[in-house]
Amino acid sequence: MTVLVGTISASTAAAAFETLRIPQRVSASTAAKEARRTAERQTRGASGQDVGEPANIIQSTEVALDLMTMGQRQPQAGLKQALELYSDS
C-alpha cells in the first residue's frame, strides 16, 4: 500500500473550504431591497446617468455634519446683517 503525502498552501485550503460552506440564508426583505437597488442601478446605467458622478453622490462629511447638528438649530444671520458684518471688516 502506498501513501502519498502532499502539501498545500493555506490560501488554497481556505479556498477549497469556502466552496464547501453552506451559504447564509438571506431574509426576503433584504433580497427584495438588493433586487430593487440592482434594478435601479441598471436603470440609471441605461438612461446614461453615471452613478459614479460626483453630483449624484452625497459626501459623507456633509451627512456626518448634518447628523451631528440635527435637532440643534444653529444661529444664522440674515442677508442684511451678513453684509453689514462683511463691510465692517
N, C-alpha and C. Protein backbone atom coordinates (compact mmCIF):
# COMPACT_ATOMS: atom_id res chain seq x y z
N MET A 1 0.84 -1.16 0.00
CA MET A 1 0.00 0.00 0.00
C MET A 1 0.89 1.23 0.00
N THR A 2 0.59 2.17 -0.86
CA THR A 2 1.39 3.38 -0.98
C THR A 2 0.59 4.56 -0.43
N VAL A 3 1.24 5.37 0.39
CA VAL A 3 0.61 6.56 0.95
C VAL A 3 1.28 7.78 0.34
N LEU A 4 0.48 8.65 -0.24
CA LEU A 4 1.01 9.86 -0.82
C LEU A 4 0.79 11.01 0.16
N VAL A 5 1.84 11.74 0.41
CA VAL A 5 1.75 12.89 1.31
C VAL A 5 2.09 14.13 0.48
N GLY A 6 1.21 15.10 0.55
CA GLY A 6 1.45 16.33 -0.20
C GLY A 6 1.18 17.53 0.68
N THR A 7 1.60 18.66 0.22
CA THR A 7 1.35 19.88 0.97
C THR A 7 0.59 20.86 0.08
N ILE A 8 -0.24 21.64 0.72
CA ILE A 8 -0.94 22.71 0.01
C ILE A 8 -0.83 23.98 0.85
N SER A 9 -0.94 25.08 0.20
CA SER A 9 -0.83 26.34 0.92
C SER A 9 -2.11 26.61 1.71
N ALA A 10 -2.01 27.50 2.67
CA ALA A 10 -3.17 27.84 3.49
C ALA A 10 -4.25 28.53 2.66
N SER A 11 -3.85 29.34 1.70
CA SER A 11 -4.85 30.03 0.87
C SER A 11 -5.61 29.05 -0.02
N THR A 12 -4.92 28.03 -0.52
CA THR A 12 -5.59 27.00 -1.32
C THR A 12 -6.56 26.21 -0.47
N ALA A 13 -6.15 25.88 0.75
CA ALA A 13 -7.03 25.15 1.66
C ALA A 13 -8.25 25.98 2.02
N ALA A 14 -8.05 27.28 2.24
CA ALA A 14 -9.17 28.16 2.58
C ALA A 14 -10.14 28.27 1.40
N ALA A 15 -9.61 28.38 0.19
CA ALA A 15 -10.47 28.47 -0.99
C ALA A 15 -11.28 27.20 -1.16
N ALA A 16 -10.65 26.05 -0.94
CA ALA A 16 -11.36 24.78 -1.05
C ALA A 16 -12.43 24.66 0.03
N PHE A 17 -12.13 25.13 1.22
CA PHE A 17 -13.09 25.07 2.32
C PHE A 17 -14.28 25.99 2.07
N GLU A 18 -14.03 27.16 1.48
CA GLU A 18 -15.11 28.12 1.21
C GLU A 18 -16.15 27.54 0.25
N THR A 19 -15.72 26.72 -0.69
CA THR A 19 -16.67 26.12 -1.63
C THR A 19 -17.57 25.11 -0.94
N LEU A 20 -17.13 24.56 0.18
CA LEU A 20 -17.92 23.57 0.91
C LEU A 20 -18.90 24.20 1.89
N ARG A 21 -18.72 25.47 2.20
CA ARG A 21 -19.60 26.13 3.17
C ARG A 21 -21.01 26.27 2.64
N ILE A 22 -21.96 26.17 3.54
CA ILE A 22 -23.36 26.37 3.18
C ILE A 22 -23.61 27.87 3.19
N PRO A 23 -24.16 28.43 2.11
CA PRO A 23 -24.38 29.88 2.08
C PRO A 23 -25.41 30.31 3.12
N GLN A 24 -25.21 31.50 3.64
CA GLN A 24 -26.09 32.03 4.66
C GLN A 24 -27.42 32.41 4.03
N ARG A 25 -28.51 32.13 4.73
CA ARG A 25 -29.84 32.47 4.21
C ARG A 25 -30.07 33.97 4.35
N VAL A 26 -30.69 34.53 3.35
CA VAL A 26 -30.98 35.96 3.34
C VAL A 26 -32.48 36.13 3.49
N SER A 27 -32.88 37.09 4.33
CA SER A 27 -34.31 37.32 4.52
C SER A 27 -34.93 37.85 3.23
N ALA A 28 -36.22 37.65 3.10
CA ALA A 28 -36.93 38.08 1.88
C ALA A 28 -36.87 39.59 1.70
N SER A 29 -36.96 40.34 2.81
CA SER A 29 -36.93 41.80 2.69
C SER A 29 -35.56 42.28 2.22
N THR A 30 -34.49 41.65 2.72
CA THR A 30 -33.14 42.02 2.29
C THR A 30 -32.95 41.69 0.81
N ALA A 31 -33.43 40.54 0.39
CA ALA A 31 -33.32 40.14 -1.01
C ALA A 31 -34.09 41.11 -1.90
N ALA A 32 -35.27 41.54 -1.44
CA ALA A 32 -36.07 42.49 -2.22
C ALA A 32 -35.37 43.84 -2.33
N LYS A 33 -34.77 44.30 -1.23
CA LYS A 33 -34.04 45.58 -1.26
C LYS A 33 -32.87 45.51 -2.24
N GLU A 34 -32.13 44.40 -2.18
CA GLU A 34 -30.99 44.24 -3.09
C GLU A 34 -31.45 44.21 -4.55
N ALA A 35 -32.56 43.52 -4.81
CA ALA A 35 -33.08 43.45 -6.18
C ALA A 35 -33.51 44.83 -6.65
N ARG A 36 -34.13 45.61 -5.75
CA ARG A 36 -34.54 46.98 -6.10
C ARG A 36 -33.32 47.84 -6.42
N ARG A 37 -32.28 47.73 -5.59
CA ARG A 37 -31.05 48.52 -5.82
C ARG A 37 -30.41 48.14 -7.15
N THR A 38 -30.35 46.84 -7.43
CA THR A 38 -29.75 46.39 -8.68
C THR A 38 -30.54 46.90 -9.88
N ALA A 39 -31.86 46.82 -9.80
CA ALA A 39 -32.70 47.31 -10.90
C ALA A 39 -32.54 48.81 -11.07
N GLU A 40 -32.43 49.54 -9.96
CA GLU A 40 -32.25 50.99 -10.02
C GLU A 40 -30.92 51.34 -10.67
N ARG A 41 -29.86 50.60 -10.32
CA ARG A 41 -28.55 50.85 -10.92
C ARG A 41 -28.58 50.59 -12.42
N GLN A 42 -29.25 49.50 -12.81
CA GLN A 42 -29.34 49.17 -14.23
C GLN A 42 -30.13 50.22 -14.99
N THR A 43 -31.19 50.73 -14.37
CA THR A 43 -32.00 51.78 -15.00
C THR A 43 -31.17 53.05 -15.17
N ARG A 44 -30.42 53.41 -14.15
CA ARG A 44 -29.57 54.60 -14.25
C ARG A 44 -28.51 54.42 -15.32
N GLY A 45 -27.93 53.23 -15.38
CA GLY A 45 -26.91 52.96 -16.39
C GLY A 45 -27.48 53.02 -17.79
N ALA A 46 -28.70 52.52 -17.98
CA ALA A 46 -29.33 52.53 -19.29
C ALA A 46 -29.74 53.93 -19.71
N SER A 47 -30.08 54.78 -18.74
CA SER A 47 -30.52 56.13 -19.08
C SER A 47 -29.34 57.08 -19.31
N GLY A 48 -28.13 56.58 -19.13
CA GLY A 48 -26.96 57.42 -19.37
C GLY A 48 -26.49 58.15 -18.14
N GLN A 49 -27.21 58.03 -17.04
CA GLN A 49 -26.79 58.67 -15.80
C GLN A 49 -25.69 57.83 -15.19
N ASP A 50 -24.58 58.45 -14.92
CA ASP A 50 -23.47 57.73 -14.31
C ASP A 50 -23.63 57.78 -12.79
N VAL A 51 -23.72 56.59 -12.18
CA VAL A 51 -23.90 56.52 -10.74
C VAL A 51 -22.68 57.09 -10.02
N GLY A 52 -21.53 56.99 -10.65
CA GLY A 52 -20.31 57.46 -10.01
C GLY A 52 -20.04 58.95 -10.15
N GLU A 53 -20.94 59.67 -10.81
CA GLU A 53 -20.74 61.12 -10.96
C GLU A 53 -20.76 61.78 -9.60
N PRO A 54 -19.86 62.73 -9.37
CA PRO A 54 -19.83 63.41 -8.07
C PRO A 54 -21.14 64.11 -7.72
N ALA A 55 -21.88 64.56 -8.72
CA ALA A 55 -23.14 65.25 -8.44
C ALA A 55 -24.19 64.30 -7.88
N ASN A 56 -24.05 63.00 -8.17
CA ASN A 56 -25.03 62.02 -7.71
C ASN A 56 -24.66 61.41 -6.36
N ILE A 57 -23.52 61.76 -5.82
CA ILE A 57 -23.06 61.16 -4.57
C ILE A 57 -23.12 62.19 -3.46
N ILE A 58 -23.74 61.81 -2.36
CA ILE A 58 -23.77 62.69 -1.19
C ILE A 58 -22.47 62.47 -0.43
N GLN A 59 -21.76 63.54 -0.19
CA GLN A 59 -20.49 63.42 0.52
C GLN A 59 -20.74 63.00 1.96
N SER A 60 -19.96 62.05 2.43
CA SER A 60 -20.16 61.52 3.78
C SER A 60 -19.89 62.58 4.84
N THR A 61 -18.98 63.52 4.58
CA THR A 61 -18.73 64.57 5.57
C THR A 61 -19.95 65.46 5.73
N GLU A 62 -20.62 65.76 4.62
CA GLU A 62 -21.83 66.58 4.71
C GLU A 62 -22.89 65.87 5.53
N VAL A 63 -23.06 64.58 5.30
CA VAL A 63 -24.05 63.82 6.04
C VAL A 63 -23.68 63.76 7.51
N ALA A 64 -22.40 63.53 7.80
CA ALA A 64 -21.96 63.45 9.20
C ALA A 64 -22.20 64.77 9.92
N LEU A 65 -21.89 65.88 9.26
CA LEU A 65 -22.12 67.18 9.88
C LEU A 65 -23.61 67.43 10.10
N ASP A 66 -24.43 67.03 9.13
CA ASP A 66 -25.87 67.19 9.30
C ASP A 66 -26.38 66.37 10.47
N LEU A 67 -25.88 65.15 10.61
CA LEU A 67 -26.32 64.30 11.71
C LEU A 67 -25.83 64.82 13.05
N MET A 68 -24.63 65.40 13.08
CA MET A 68 -24.10 65.93 14.34
C MET A 68 -24.92 67.12 14.82
N THR A 69 -25.41 67.93 13.89
CA THR A 69 -26.13 69.14 14.28
C THR A 69 -27.64 68.96 14.21
N MET A 70 -28.10 67.73 13.94
CA MET A 70 -29.53 67.51 13.82
C MET A 70 -30.23 67.82 15.15
N GLY A 71 -31.27 68.59 15.09
CA GLY A 71 -32.01 68.95 16.28
C GLY A 71 -31.43 70.13 17.02
N GLN A 72 -30.29 70.62 16.58
CA GLN A 72 -29.66 71.78 17.21
C GLN A 72 -29.67 72.91 16.19
N ARG A 73 -30.57 73.83 16.34
CA ARG A 73 -30.64 74.95 15.41
C ARG A 73 -29.44 75.85 15.61
N GLN A 74 -28.71 76.06 14.56
CA GLN A 74 -27.54 76.93 14.61
C GLN A 74 -27.98 78.35 14.31
N PRO A 75 -27.49 79.33 15.07
CA PRO A 75 -27.88 80.72 14.79
C PRO A 75 -27.37 81.14 13.41
N GLN A 76 -28.25 81.77 12.66
CA GLN A 76 -27.88 82.23 11.33
C GLN A 76 -28.20 83.71 11.21
N ALA A 77 -27.35 84.40 10.51
CA ALA A 77 -27.55 85.83 10.29
C ALA A 77 -28.37 86.02 9.02
N GLY A 78 -29.13 87.07 8.99
CA GLY A 78 -29.87 87.42 7.78
C GLY A 78 -28.92 88.02 6.76
N LEU A 79 -29.38 88.21 5.56
CA LEU A 79 -28.54 88.76 4.49
C LEU A 79 -28.06 90.16 4.83
N LYS A 80 -28.95 90.99 5.35
CA LYS A 80 -28.59 92.36 5.69
C LYS A 80 -27.50 92.38 6.77
N GLN A 81 -27.68 91.56 7.80
CA GLN A 81 -26.70 91.51 8.89
C GLN A 81 -25.36 90.97 8.39
N ALA A 82 -25.40 89.97 7.53
CA ALA A 82 -24.16 89.41 6.99
C ALA A 82 -23.41 90.45 6.16
N LEU A 83 -24.14 91.21 5.34
CA LEU A 83 -23.50 92.25 4.53
C LEU A 83 -22.89 93.35 5.39
N GLU A 84 -23.60 93.71 6.47
CA GLU A 84 -23.07 94.73 7.39
C GLU A 84 -21.79 94.24 8.05
N LEU A 85 -21.79 93.01 8.53
CA LEU A 85 -20.60 92.46 9.18
C LEU A 85 -19.44 92.33 8.20
N TYR A 86 -19.75 91.98 6.95
CA TYR A 86 -18.72 91.83 5.95
C TYR A 86 -18.10 93.19 5.60
N SER A 87 -18.94 94.20 5.50
CA SER A 87 -18.42 95.53 5.15
C SER A 87 -17.65 96.16 6.31
N ASP A 88 -17.96 95.78 7.56
CA ASP A 88 -17.23 96.30 8.72
C ASP A 88 -15.80 95.78 8.77
N SER A 89 -15.55 94.61 8.27
CA SER A 89 -14.20 94.04 8.39
C SER A 89 -13.32 94.31 7.22
